[in-house]
């Protein structure tokens, strides 16, 4: 089953800037969620607790 998610033009542009050449939005989001599920949070460069 597939679902459609509506995003703004600005969000589309941001996704386009982060996706590698030939990578779909679905592939990018899957990778992002995997990182989040593995690490428990998104990593930020220069961030420390």
C-alpha atoms as a PDB file:
ATOM      1  CA  UNK A   1       0.000   0.000   0.000  1.00  0.00           C
ATOM      2  CA  UNK A   2       1.335   3.436  -0.860  1.00  0.00           C
ATOM      3  CA  UNK A   3       0.422   6.752   0.711  1.00  0.00           C
ATOM      4  CA  UNK A   4       0.770  10.271  -0.583  1.00  0.00           C
ATOM      5  CA  UNK A   5       2.300  12.977   1.568  1.00  0.00           C
ATOM      6  CA  UNK A   6       1.935  16.602   0.526  1.00  0.00           C
ATOM      7  CA  UNK A   7       4.954  18.836   1.117  1.00  0.00           C
ATOM      8  CA  UNK A   8       5.582  22.500   0.431  1.00  0.00           C
ATOM      9  CA  UNK A   9       7.721  23.697  -2.459  1.00  0.00           C
ATOM     10  CA  UNK A  10      10.354  24.815   0.068  1.00  0.00           C
ATOM     11  CA  UNK A  11      10.497  21.330   1.604  1.00  0.00           C
ATOM     12  CA  UNK A  12      10.831  19.782  -1.867  1.00  0.00           C
ATOM     13  CA  UNK A  13      13.753  22.104  -2.593  1.00  0.00           C
ATOM     14  CA  UNK A  14      15.395  21.161   0.713  1.00  0.00           C
ATOM     15  CA  UNK A  15      14.968  17.448  -0.042  1.00  0.00           C
ATOM     16  CA  UNK A  16      16.421  17.979  -3.523  1.00  0.00           C
ATOM     17  CA  UNK A  17      19.513  19.561  -1.931  1.00  0.00           C
ATOM     18  CA  UNK A  18      20.074  16.551   0.347  1.00  0.00           C
ATOM     19  CA  UNK A  19      19.253  13.642  -1.979  1.00  0.00           C
ATOM     20  CA  UNK A  20      22.154  12.096  -3.826  1.00  0.00           C
ATOM     21  CA  UNK A  21      21.972  11.899  -7.602  1.00  0.00           C
ATOM     22  CA  UNK A  22      19.361   9.336  -8.607  1.00  0.00           C
ATOM     23  CA  UNK A  23      18.138   8.871  -5.025  1.00  0.00           C
ATOM     24  CA  UNK A  24      14.370   9.027  -4.549  1.00  0.00           C
ATOM     25  CA  UNK A  25      12.686  10.905  -1.727  1.00  0.00           C
ATOM     26  CA  UNK A  26      11.526   7.559  -0.357  1.00  0.00           C
ATOM     27  CA  UNK A  27      15.087   6.212  -0.276  1.00  0.00           C
ATOM     28  CA  UNK A  28      16.368   9.370   1.417  1.00  0.00           C
ATOM     29  CA  UNK A  29      13.615   9.358   4.034  1.00  0.00           C
ATOM     30  CA  UNK A  30      14.118   5.653   4.712  1.00  0.00           C
ATOM     31  CA  UNK A  31      17.823   6.271   5.366  1.00  0.00           C
ATOM     32  CA  UNK A  32      16.994   9.236   7.606  1.00  0.00           C
ATOM     33  CA  UNK A  33      14.515   7.195   9.648  1.00  0.00           C
ATOM     34  CA  UNK A  34      16.995   4.333   9.983  1.00  0.00           C
ATOM     35  CA  UNK A  35      19.569   6.744  11.415  1.00  0.00           C
ATOM     36  CA  UNK A  36      16.987   8.137  13.818  1.00  0.00           C
ATOM     37  CA  UNK A  37      15.849   4.693  14.961  1.00  0.00           C
ATOM     38  CA  UNK A  38      19.439   3.490  15.421  1.00  0.00           C
ATOM     39  CA  UNK A  39      20.806   6.566  17.179  1.00  0.00           C
ATOM     40  CA  UNK A  40      17.644   7.697  18.948  1.00  0.00           C
ATOM     41  CA  UNK A  41      18.142  11.193  17.615  1.00  0.00           C
ATOM     42  CA  UNK A  42      19.495  12.959  14.585  1.00  0.00           C
ATOM     43  CA  UNK A  43      23.133  13.900  14.913  1.00  0.00           C
ATOM     44  CA  UNK A  44      24.139  17.514  14.477  1.00  0.00           C
ATOM     45  CA  UNK A  45      27.649  18.463  13.545  1.00  0.00           C
ATOM     46  CA  UNK A  46      29.381  20.159  16.462  1.00  0.00           C
ATOM     47  CA  UNK A  47      26.693  19.143  18.955  1.00  0.00           C
ATOM     48  CA  UNK A  48      27.638  17.546  22.235  1.00  0.00           C
ATOM     49  CA  UNK A  49      25.757  16.837  25.434  1.00  0.00           C
END
